[in-house]
Amino acid sequence: AVVTITGQVMDVNSTPVANVVVVLITPQGTVLASTTNEHGIYSFKVAASPQSYRLVPSKDGFVFDPVDKVLANASEDSKGLNFVALAKAP
């Protein structure tokens, strides 16, 4: 079975942040990447798994809250795995 994992990256003013690379690390250690669109949305289609998937956002000049998210059980579609992008101090 295939499940869809989606979320959004926004700044502190709830403005979507485009071009954030979100990395998904599978239980087997495979690394997949998705880049947010102009609405800050990212999406992955992965094999369903009772094991954990880890999501890590990354973009130059930003730190993220939370730093990462762990999806403990990817047995069904998961939405709303959102991150807040905070501009790094210069």
Protein backbone atom coordinates (compact mmCIF):
# COMPACT_ATOMS: atom_id res chain seq x y z
CA ALA A 1 0.00 0.00 0.00
CA VAL A 2 1.07 3.56 -0.69
CA VAL A 3 0.43 6.42 1.73
CA THR A 4 0.69 10.17 1.17
CA ILE A 5 2.49 12.38 3.67
CA THR A 6 1.83 16.10 3.32
CA GLY A 7 2.41 19.29 5.25
CA GLN A 8 3.04 22.97 4.95
CA VAL A 9 5.87 25.33 5.85
CA MET A 10 4.89 28.85 6.92
CA ASP A 11 6.64 31.74 8.63
CA VAL A 12 5.58 33.24 11.96
CA ASN A 13 3.04 35.44 10.12
CA SER A 14 1.40 32.34 8.57
CA THR A 15 2.81 33.23 5.16
CA PRO A 16 3.69 30.12 3.11
CA VAL A 17 7.42 29.61 2.49
CA ALA A 18 8.34 28.26 -0.96
CA ASN A 19 11.48 26.33 -1.93
CA VAL A 20 12.02 24.66 1.43
CA VAL A 21 13.58 21.24 0.94
CA VAL A 22 11.87 18.70 3.18
CA VAL A 23 13.83 15.47 3.54
CA LEU A 24 12.06 12.24 4.43
CA ILE A 25 14.14 9.44 5.93
CA THR A 26 12.54 6.01 5.62
CA PRO A 27 12.81 3.22 8.20
CA GLN A 28 15.38 1.58 5.88
CA GLY A 29 17.48 4.77 5.83
CA THR A 30 16.53 5.85 2.31
CA VAL A 31 16.45 9.63 1.90
CA LEU A 32 13.77 11.27 -0.24
CA ALA A 33 13.36 15.01 -0.82
CA SER A 34 10.43 17.24 -1.69
CA THR A 35 10.51 21.01 -2.25
CA THR A 36 7.64 23.20 -1.05
CA ASN A 37 5.59 24.94 -3.72
CA GLU A 38 4.44 28.58 -3.70
CA HIS A 39 1.82 27.63 -1.07
CA GLY A 40 4.48 26.11 1.20
CA ILE A 41 3.09 22.60 0.58
CA TYR A 42 5.24 19.48 0.35
CA SER A 43 4.14 15.92 -0.36
CA PHE A 44 5.58 12.40 -0.42
CA LYS A 45 4.12 9.11 -1.61
CA VAL A 46 5.75 6.24 0.27
CA ALA A 47 5.16 2.62 1.14
CA ALA A 48 2.97 2.12 4.17
CA SER A 49 5.06 1.05 7.15
CA PRO A 50 4.49 0.37 10.84
CA GLN A 51 7.95 1.86 11.43
CA SER A 52 8.96 5.52 11.72
CA TYR A 53 9.53 8.05 9.00
CA ARG A 54 11.46 11.22 9.88
CA LEU A 55 10.87 14.60 8.21
CA VAL A 56 13.51 17.35 8.28
CA PRO A 57 13.00 20.77 6.61
CA SER A 58 15.94 22.81 5.34
CA LYS A 59 16.44 26.20 3.69
CA ASP A 60 19.39 28.61 3.80
CA GLY A 61 18.78 31.50 6.19
CA PHE A 62 16.10 29.70 8.22
CA VAL A 63 15.72 27.51 11.26
CA PHE A 64 12.59 25.44 11.74
CA ASP A 65 10.18 24.73 14.55
CA PRO A 66 10.12 21.89 15.20
CA VAL A 67 13.59 20.88 13.97
CA ASP A 68 12.11 17.60 12.70
CA LYS A 69 9.00 15.44 12.98
CA VAL A 70 8.79 11.69 13.42
CA LEU A 71 5.81 9.93 11.92
CA ALA A 72 5.65 6.88 14.17
CA ASN A 73 3.27 4.79 12.10
CA ALA A 74 2.82 5.45 8.39
CA SER A 75 -0.05 3.03 7.86
CA GLU A 76 -2.41 5.66 6.43
CA ASP A 77 -2.25 9.07 4.77
CA SER A 78 -0.84 11.76 7.06
CA LYS A 79 -1.65 15.43 6.60
CA GLY A 80 -0.80 18.51 8.57
CA LEU A 81 2.84 17.69 9.30
CA ASN A 82 3.61 21.41 9.39
CA PHE A 83 6.69 23.44 10.20
CA VAL A 84 7.30 27.09 11.05
CA ALA A 85 10.25 28.76 9.29
CA LEU A 86 12.11 31.29 11.43
CA ALA A 87 14.63 33.66 9.84
CA LYS A 88 18.12 33.17 11.31
CA ALA A 89 19.67 36.17 12.98
CA PRO A 90 22.38 37.66 10.74
